[in-house]
Amino acid sequence: MKRILSFFVFVFCACVLSVNVANSADQGEHKPIDLCSRQAVAAMDYFLDHGGKKSEVFRVNNRNELEVTGKQLGYLATKEKYRNFTVRGEYSFPNGKIPTNSGFLVRITGPSPIGTFLPRCVELQVMRGLTGDLFGFHGLVIKGDAARYVTGKKHEFAGDYCHVKKFRDAESPSGSDWNKFEITCFEDLIVVRVNGEIVNWATGVENVEGAVAFQSEGGPALFRNVTLTPLK
């Protein structure tokens, strides 16, 4: 019964969220912000666990794709902070079906309090077979359906964390194909879509402004056509 109620609450929230997104777009108050252009990447802050140059891990190629080499653990973050927004884009893995770990971070409220490469934030997992999972690191709470919800304490890199697993897989069977992703943050709700299908959602999210970021976590990944549209 609780799972059924939780599902209907989610459907209601998703409908309200969709209406708000549509209204914002119709009013034309906010234009999409390009996050993958050379200019945008050059202006971003970055953190790498062993130091080094931004261009060694994050660079825009001649096809206007952001290459994340994965050679070091860290992230490439906007200087601007956002609270309610939708990020849309595409990702691919140069290694095809070999599992490559990357991610997209939202609502970054500060660096890791224990000095690791994971800031205090929500992570949208971008990894072959697991894209769509959501994590809250270093005490940043997110909540989800009990059957898909896991918590942990004093993780080596993430500290106290929450994990909401996706409930369906919508990725292309070939890891080398381009997949579309979308993550919308609105108040305390996050909804994730992959290739147009809702694959995950979380509620009770800490409702704060924060930077957004591309993650480097041990393997190569490509991103393109990534934009952020602020919402009212």
C-alpha atoms as a PDB file:
ATOM      1  CA  MET A   1       0.000   0.000   0.000  1.00  0.00           C
ATOM      2  CA  LYS A   2       2.821   2.393   0.900  1.00  0.00           C
ATOM      3  CA  ARG A   3       4.541   1.723  -2.438  1.00  0.00           C
ATOM      4  CA  ILE A   4       1.315   2.411  -4.345  1.00  0.00           C
ATOM      5  CA  LEU A   5       0.777   5.664  -2.435  1.00  0.00           C
ATOM      6  CA  SER A   6       4.397   6.651  -3.056  1.00  0.00           C
ATOM      7  CA  PHE A   7       3.942   6.030  -6.773  1.00  0.00           C
ATOM      8  CA  PHE A   8       0.832   8.235  -6.989  1.00  0.00           C
ATOM      9  CA  VAL A   9       2.566  10.994  -5.020  1.00  0.00           C
ATOM     10  CA  PHE A  10       5.407  10.817  -7.537  1.00  0.00           C
ATOM     11  CA  VAL A  11       3.029  10.946 -10.519  1.00  0.00           C
ATOM     12  CA  PHE A  12       1.340  14.031  -9.053  1.00  0.00           C
ATOM     13  CA  CYS A  13       4.689  15.735  -8.392  1.00  0.00           C
ATOM     14  CA  ALA A  14       5.958  14.876 -11.871  1.00  0.00           C
ATOM     15  CA  CYS A  15       2.805  16.353 -13.440  1.00  0.00           C
ATOM     16  CA  VAL A  16       3.149  19.568 -11.427  1.00  0.00           C
ATOM     17  CA  LEU A  17       6.799  19.734 -12.368  1.00  0.00           C
ATOM     18  CA  SER A  18       6.053  19.233 -16.073  1.00  0.00           C
ATOM     19  CA  VAL A  19       3.477  22.056 -16.006  1.00  0.00           C
ATOM     20  CA  ASN A  20       5.951  24.387 -14.334  1.00  0.00           C
ATOM     21  CA  VAL A  21       8.659  23.568 -16.868  1.00  0.00           C
ATOM     22  CA  ALA A  22       6.249  24.142 -19.744  1.00  0.00           C
ATOM     23  CA  ASN A  23       5.076  27.453 -18.304  1.00  0.00           C
ATOM     24  CA  SER A  24       8.636  28.651 -17.843  1.00  0.00           C
ATOM     25  CA  ALA A  25       9.482  27.740 -21.429  1.00  0.00           C
ATOM     26  CA  ASP A  26       6.331  29.404 -22.809  1.00  0.00           C
ATOM     27  CA  GLN A  27       7.027  32.631 -20.958  1.00  0.00           C
ATOM     28  CA  GLY A  28      10.512  32.696 -22.446  1.00  0.00           C
ATOM     29  CA  GLU A  29      12.005  34.068 -19.230  1.00  0.00           C
ATOM     30  CA  HIS A  30      14.994  31.758 -19.196  1.00  0.00           C
ATOM     31  CA  LYS A  31      17.143  30.725 -22.120  1.00  0.00           C
ATOM     32  CA  PRO A  32      19.152  27.478 -22.111  1.00  0.00           C
ATOM     33  CA  ILE A  33      22.753  27.922 -20.976  1.00  0.00           C
ATOM     34  CA  ASP A  34      25.350  25.979 -22.969  1.00  0.00           C
ATOM     35  CA  LEU A  35      27.588  23.949 -20.654  1.00  0.00           C
ATOM     36  CA  CYS A  36      29.725  22.227 -23.304  1.00  0.00           C
ATOM     37  CA  SER A  37      31.105  25.108 -25.377  1.00  0.00           C
ATOM     38  CA  ARG A  38      34.797  25.965 -25.242  1.00  0.00           C
ATOM     39  CA  GLN A  39      33.928  29.277 -23.642  1.00  0.00           C
ATOM     40  CA  ALA A  40      31.779  27.659 -20.958  1.00  0.00           C
ATOM     41  CA  VAL A  41      34.361  24.986 -20.116  1.00  0.00           C
ATOM     42  CA  ALA A  42      37.173  27.553 -19.974  1.00  0.00           C
ATOM     43  CA  ALA A  43      35.191  29.585 -17.424  1.00  0.00           C
ATOM     44  CA  MET A  44      34.419  26.651 -15.112  1.00  0.00           C
ATOM     45  CA  ASP A  45      36.146  25.795 -11.850  1.00  0.00           C
ATOM     46  CA  TYR A  46      37.632  22.353 -11.419  1.00  0.00           C
ATOM     47  CA  PHE A  47      38.935  19.999  -8.760  1.00  0.00           C
ATOM     48  CA  LEU A  48      41.326  17.080  -9.319  1.00  0.00           C
ATOM     49  CA  ASP A  49      42.366  14.844  -6.461  1.00  0.00           C
ATOM     50  CA  HIS A  50      46.065  14.888  -7.417  1.00  0.00           C
ATOM     51  CA  GLY A  51      46.226  18.369  -8.925  1.00  0.00           C
ATOM     52  CA  GLY A  52      47.115  18.780 -12.574  1.00  0.00           C
ATOM     53  CA  LYS A  53      45.773  20.718 -15.518  1.00  0.00           C
ATOM     54  CA  LYS A  54      42.118  21.037 -16.420  1.00  0.00           C
ATOM     55  CA  SER A  55      42.911  20.190 -20.068  1.00  0.00           C
ATOM     56  CA  GLU A  56      44.380  16.818 -19.067  1.00  0.00           C
ATOM     57  CA  VAL A  57      40.969  15.646 -17.853  1.00  0.00           C
ATOM     58  CA  PHE A  58      38.345  17.976 -19.349  1.00  0.00           C
ATOM     59  CA  ARG A  59      38.620  19.260 -22.928  1.00  0.00           C
ATOM     60  CA  VAL A  60      36.365  20.139 -25.858  1.00  0.00           C
ATOM     61  CA  ASN A  61      37.259  18.353 -29.103  1.00  0.00           C
ATOM     62  CA  ASN A  62      36.785  19.454 -32.721  1.00  0.00           C
ATOM     63  CA  ARG A  63      33.277  17.960 -32.736  1.00  0.00           C
ATOM     64  CA  ASN A  64      32.225  20.229 -29.855  1.00  0.00           C
ATOM     65  CA  GLU A  65      32.072  17.264 -27.487  1.00  0.00           C
ATOM     66  CA  LEU A  66      33.338  17.500 -23.936  1.00  0.00           C
ATOM     67  CA  GLU A  67      35.881  14.739 -23.418  1.00  0.00           C
ATOM     68  CA  VAL A  68      36.249  13.524 -19.837  1.00  0.00           C
ATOM     69  CA  THR A  69      39.379  11.392 -19.822  1.00  0.00           C
ATOM     70  CA  GLY A  70      38.902   9.944 -16.357  1.00  0.00           C
ATOM     71  CA  LYS A  71      42.660  10.069 -15.743  1.00  0.00           C
ATOM     72  CA  GLN A  72      42.068  11.684 -12.369  1.00  0.00           C
ATOM     73  CA  LEU A  73      39.161  11.795  -9.960  1.00  0.00           C
ATOM     74  CA  GLY A  74      37.401  15.129  -9.752  1.00  0.00           C
ATOM     75  CA  TYR A  75      34.854  17.430 -11.352  1.00  0.00           C
ATOM     76  CA  LEU A  76      34.373  20.455 -13.610  1.00  0.00           C
ATOM     77  CA  ALA A  77      31.882  22.885 -12.049  1.00  0.00           C
ATOM     78  CA  THR A  78      30.040  26.064 -12.935  1.00  0.00           C
ATOM     79  CA  LYS A  79      30.831  29.189 -10.961  1.00  0.00           C
ATOM     80  CA  GLU A  80      27.125  30.043 -10.964  1.00  0.00           C
ATOM     81  CA  LYS A  81      24.705  28.415  -8.537  1.00  0.00           C
ATOM     82  CA  TYR A  82      21.269  27.081  -9.456  1.00  0.00           C
ATOM     83  CA  ARG A  83      18.349  25.692  -7.459  1.00  0.00           C
ATOM     84  CA  ASN A  84      15.439  24.994  -9.833  1.00  0.00           C
ATOM     85  CA  PHE A  85      16.494  23.956 -13.336  1.00  0.00           C
ATOM     86  CA  THR A  86      16.544  21.312 -16.038  1.00  0.00           C
ATOM     87  CA  VAL A  87      19.755  19.991 -17.566  1.00  0.00           C
ATOM     88  CA  ARG A  88      19.484  18.187 -20.905  1.00  0.00           C
ATOM     89  CA  GLY A  89      22.241  16.611 -22.936  1.00  0.00           C
ATOM     90  CA  GLU A  90      23.765  13.496 -24.416  1.00  0.00           C
ATOM     91  CA  TYR A  91      26.498  11.147 -23.232  1.00  0.00           C
ATOM     92  CA  SER A  92      28.493   8.293 -24.717  1.00  0.00           C
ATOM     93  CA  PHE A  93      31.312   5.972 -23.685  1.00  0.00           C
ATOM     94  CA  PRO A  94      34.326   5.649 -26.023  1.00  0.00           C
ATOM     95  CA  ASN A  95      35.008   2.180 -24.595  1.00  0.00           C
ATOM     96  CA  GLY A  96      31.604   0.862 -25.651  1.00  0.00           C
ATOM     97  CA  LYS A  97      30.258  -1.823 -23.335  1.00  0.00           C
ATOM     98  CA  ILE A  98      33.171  -1.658 -20.897  1.00  0.00           C
ATOM     99  CA  PRO A  99      31.730  -0.132 -17.684  1.00  0.00           C
ATOM    100  CA  THR A 100      32.897   3.473 -17.440  1.00  0.00           C
ATOM    101  CA  ASN A 101      32.147   5.483 -14.338  1.00  0.00           C
ATOM    102  CA  SER A 102      31.234   9.145 -14.719  1.00  0.00           C
ATOM    103  CA  GLY A 103      28.424  11.372 -13.533  1.00  0.00           C
ATOM    104  CA  PHE A 104      26.693  14.715 -13.476  1.00  0.00           C
ATOM    105  CA  LEU A 105      26.592  16.586 -10.171  1.00  0.00           C
ATOM    106  CA  VAL A 106      23.898  19.035  -9.054  1.00  0.00           C
ATOM    107  CA  ARG A 107      23.289  21.260  -6.027  1.00  0.00           C
ATOM    108  CA  ILE A 108      26.943  21.281  -5.021  1.00  0.00           C
ATOM    109  CA  THR A 109      26.988  23.099  -1.688  1.00  0.00           C
ATOM    110  CA  GLY A 110      30.705  22.849  -0.990  1.00  0.00           C
ATOM    111  CA  PRO A 111      33.824  20.709  -1.216  1.00  0.00           C
ATOM    112  CA  SER A 112      34.174  17.372   0.489  1.00  0.00           C
ATOM    113  CA  PRO A 113      34.329  17.845   4.273  1.00  0.00           C
ATOM    114  CA  ILE A 114      36.736  14.877   4.434  1.00  0.00           C
ATOM    115  CA  GLY A 115      39.010  16.002   1.601  1.00  0.00           C
ATOM    116  CA  THR A 116      37.934  13.572  -1.122  1.00  0.00           C
ATOM    117  CA  PHE A 117      37.066  14.084  -4.796  1.00  0.00           C
ATOM    118  CA  LEU A 118      33.317  13.937  -4.081  1.00  0.00           C
ATOM    119  CA  PRO A 119      31.842  17.313  -3.069  1.00  0.00           C
ATOM    120  CA  ARG A 120      28.716  17.670  -0.968  1.00  0.00           C
ATOM    121  CA  CYS A 121      26.086  17.307  -3.689  1.00  0.00           C
ATOM    122  CA  VAL A 122      23.607  15.074  -5.502  1.00  0.00           C
ATOM    123  CA  GLU A 123      25.108  12.857  -8.194  1.00  0.00           C
ATOM    124  CA  LEU A 124      23.300  11.550 -11.247  1.00  0.00           C
ATOM    125  CA  GLN A 125      25.226   8.359 -11.986  1.00  0.00           C
ATOM    126  CA  VAL A 126      26.418   8.119 -15.603  1.00  0.00           C
ATOM    127  CA  MET A 127      27.802   4.604 -15.903  1.00  0.00           C
ATOM    128  CA  ARG A 128      27.140   1.819 -18.353  1.00  0.00           C
ATOM    129  CA  GLY A 129      24.165  -0.124 -16.955  1.00  0.00           C
ATOM    130  CA  LEU A 130      23.649   2.159 -13.947  1.00  0.00           C
ATOM    131  CA  THR A 131      22.849   5.534 -15.501  1.00  0.00           C
ATOM    132  CA  GLY A 132      19.927   7.080 -13.649  1.00  0.00           C
ATOM    133  CA  ASP A 133      20.863   6.179 -10.071  1.00  0.00           C
ATOM    134  CA  LEU A 134      20.940   9.134  -7.670  1.00  0.00           C
ATOM    135  CA  PHE A 135      23.301   9.673  -4.720  1.00  0.00           C
ATOM    136  CA  GLY A 136      23.454  12.257  -1.952  1.00  0.00           C
ATOM    137  CA  PHE A 137      26.971  12.676  -0.516  1.00  0.00           C
ATOM    138  CA  HIS A 138      28.298  13.928   2.826  1.00  0.00           C
ATOM    139  CA  GLY A 139      24.963  14.127   4.586  1.00  0.00           C
ATOM    140  CA  LEU A 140      22.988  15.706   1.743  1.00  0.00           C
ATOM    141  CA  VAL A 141      19.721  13.829   2.121  1.00  0.00           C
ATOM    142  CA  ILE A 142      17.595  12.540  -0.751  1.00  0.00           C
ATOM    143  CA  LYS A 143      14.682  10.143  -0.344  1.00  0.00           C
ATOM    144  CA  GLY A 144      12.942   7.598  -2.545  1.00  0.00           C
ATOM    145  CA  ASP A 145      10.815   4.490  -2.620  1.00  0.00           C
ATOM    146  CA  ALA A 146      11.874   2.160   0.203  1.00  0.00           C
ATOM    147  CA  ALA A 147      12.542  -0.744  -2.156  1.00  0.00           C
ATOM    148  CA  ARG A 148      15.129   1.338  -4.031  1.00  0.00           C
ATOM    149  CA  TYR A 149      16.587   3.325  -1.132  1.00  0.00           C
ATOM    150  CA  VAL A 150      19.946   2.630   0.519  1.00  0.00           C
ATOM    151  CA  THR A 151      21.943   4.619   3.067  1.00  0.00           C
ATOM    152  CA  GLY A 152      25.463   4.294   4.387  1.00  0.00           C
ATOM    153  CA  LYS A 153      27.703   5.837   7.030  1.00  0.00           C
ATOM    154  CA  LYS A 154      31.293   7.059   6.934  1.00  0.00           C
ATOM    155  CA  HIS A 155      32.065   5.920   3.387  1.00  0.00           C
ATOM    156  CA  GLU A 156      35.737   6.394   2.479  1.00  0.00           C
ATOM    157  CA  PHE A 157      34.931   8.933  -0.244  1.00  0.00           C
ATOM    158  CA  ALA A 158      31.240   9.857   0.199  1.00  0.00           C
ATOM    159  CA  GLY A 159      30.898  10.120   3.974  1.00  0.00           C
ATOM    160  CA  ASP A 160      27.289   9.607   5.072  1.00  0.00           C
ATOM    161  CA  TYR A 161      25.350   8.970   1.850  1.00  0.00           C
ATOM    162  CA  CYS A 162      21.919   8.148   0.398  1.00  0.00           C
ATOM    163  CA  HIS A 163      21.326   6.114  -2.765  1.00  0.00           C
ATOM    164  CA  VAL A 164      18.078   5.972  -4.763  1.00  0.00           C
ATOM    165  CA  LYS A 165      18.299   3.268  -7.416  1.00  0.00           C
ATOM    166  CA  LYS A 166      16.636   3.719 -10.802  1.00  0.00           C
ATOM    167  CA  PHE A 167      13.514   1.633 -11.421  1.00  0.00           C
ATOM    168  CA  ARG A 168      14.037   1.018 -15.143  1.00  0.00           C
ATOM    169  CA  ASP A 169      16.844   0.923 -17.706  1.00  0.00           C
ATOM    170  CA  ALA A 170      16.411   3.050 -20.842  1.00  0.00           C
ATOM    171  CA  GLU A 171      19.988   3.149 -22.140  1.00  0.00           C
ATOM    172  CA  SER A 172      20.983   2.042 -25.638  1.00  0.00           C
ATOM    173  CA  PRO A 173      22.221  -1.595 -25.697  1.00  0.00           C
ATOM    174  CA  SER A 174      25.524  -0.348 -27.134  1.00  0.00           C
ATOM    175  CA  GLY A 175      27.550   1.752 -24.742  1.00  0.00           C
ATOM    176  CA  SER A 176      29.183   3.574 -27.646  1.00  0.00           C
ATOM    177  CA  ASP A 177      25.836   5.001 -28.856  1.00  0.00           C
ATOM    178  CA  TRP A 178      24.728   8.445 -27.774  1.00  0.00           C
ATOM    179  CA  ASN A 179      22.097   8.469 -25.032  1.00  0.00           C
ATOM    180  CA  LYS A 180      19.987  11.455 -24.019  1.00  0.00           C
ATOM    181  CA  PHE A 181      19.732  12.392 -20.362  1.00  0.00           C
ATOM    182  CA  GLU A 182      17.661  14.925 -18.483  1.00  0.00           C
ATOM    183  CA  ILE A 183      17.665  15.872 -14.822  1.00  0.00           C
ATOM    184  CA  THR A 184      15.189  18.343 -13.367  1.00  0.00           C
ATOM    185  CA  CYS A 185      15.565  19.805  -9.889  1.00  0.00           C
ATOM    186  CA  PHE A 186      12.534  21.662  -8.555  1.00  0.00           C
ATOM    187  CA  GLU A 187      12.254  22.535  -4.879  1.00  0.00           C
ATOM    188  CA  ASP A 188      12.743  19.182  -3.077  1.00  0.00           C
ATOM    189  CA  LEU A 189      12.023  16.968  -6.110  1.00  0.00           C
ATOM    190  CA  ILE A 190      14.444  15.510  -8.679  1.00  0.00           C
ATOM    191  CA  VAL A 191      13.283  13.642 -11.790  1.00  0.00           C
ATOM    192  CA  VAL A 192      15.641  11.812 -14.168  1.00  0.00           C
ATOM    193  CA  ARG A 193      14.930  10.832 -17.750  1.00  0.00           C
ATOM    194  CA  VAL A 194      17.078   8.725 -20.088  1.00  0.00           C
ATOM    195  CA  ASN A 195      16.198   8.681 -23.768  1.00  0.00           C
ATOM    196  CA  GLY A 196      12.889  10.365 -22.967  1.00  0.00           C
ATOM    197  CA  GLU A 197      11.754   7.871 -20.310  1.00  0.00           C
ATOM    198  CA  ILE A 198      11.494   8.610 -16.591  1.00  0.00           C
ATOM    199  CA  VAL A 199      13.934   6.205 -14.921  1.00  0.00           C
ATOM    200  CA  ASN A 200      14.245   7.654 -11.418  1.00  0.00           C
ATOM    201  CA  TRP A 201      12.961  10.246  -9.002  1.00  0.00           C
ATOM    202  CA  ALA A 202      13.812  11.455  -5.529  1.00  0.00           C
ATOM    203  CA  THR A 203      11.951  13.578  -2.986  1.00  0.00           C
ATOM    204  CA  GLY A 204      12.937  15.303   0.230  1.00  0.00           C
ATOM    205  CA  VAL A 205      16.031  16.700  -1.485  1.00  0.00           C
ATOM    206  CA  GLU A 206      17.836  19.507   0.309  1.00  0.00           C
ATOM    207  CA  ASN A 207      16.341  22.605  -1.336  1.00  0.00           C
ATOM    208  CA  VAL A 208      19.421  24.771  -1.838  1.00  0.00           C
ATOM    209  CA  GLU A 209      21.317  26.531  -4.591  1.00  0.00           C
ATOM    210  CA  GLY A 210      24.495  24.933  -5.843  1.00  0.00           C
ATOM    211  CA  ALA A 211      26.850  24.586  -8.757  1.00  0.00           C
ATOM    212  CA  VAL A 212      26.450  21.814 -11.339  1.00  0.00           C
ATOM    213  CA  ALA A 213      29.376  19.760 -12.625  1.00  0.00           C
ATOM    214  CA  PHE A 214      30.687  17.070 -14.936  1.00  0.00           C
ATOM    215  CA  GLN A 215      32.390  14.276 -13.003  1.00  0.00           C
ATOM    216  CA  SER A 216      35.597  12.392 -13.749  1.00  0.00           C
ATOM    217  CA  GLU A 217      35.592   9.061 -11.942  1.00  0.00           C
ATOM    218  CA  GLY A 218      38.052   6.646 -13.442  1.00  0.00           C
ATOM    219  CA  GLY A 219      37.018   6.166 -17.073  1.00  0.00           C
ATOM    220  CA  PRO A 220      36.488   8.100 -20.315  1.00  0.00           C
ATOM    221  CA  ALA A 221      33.132   9.626 -21.185  1.00  0.00           C
ATOM    222  CA  LEU A 222      31.818  12.054 -23.796  1.00  0.00           C
ATOM    223  CA  PHE A 223      29.147  14.729 -23.364  1.00  0.00           C
ATOM    224  CA  ARG A 224      27.553  16.950 -26.002  1.00  0.00           C
ATOM    225  CA  ASN A 225      24.672  19.415 -26.411  1.00  0.00           C
ATOM    226  CA  VAL A 226      24.425  19.839 -22.642  1.00  0.00           C
ATOM    227  CA  THR A 227      22.325  22.841 -21.609  1.00  0.00           C
ATOM    228  CA  LEU A 228      20.890  24.131 -18.346  1.00  0.00           C
ATOM    229  CA  THR A 229      17.551  25.942 -18.303  1.00  0.00           C
ATOM    230  CA  PRO A 230      16.713  27.766 -15.044  1.00  0.00           C
ATOM    231  CA  LEU A 231      13.134  27.355 -13.818  1.00  0.00           C
ATOM    232  CA  LYS A 232      11.005  29.796 -11.838  1.00  0.00           C
END
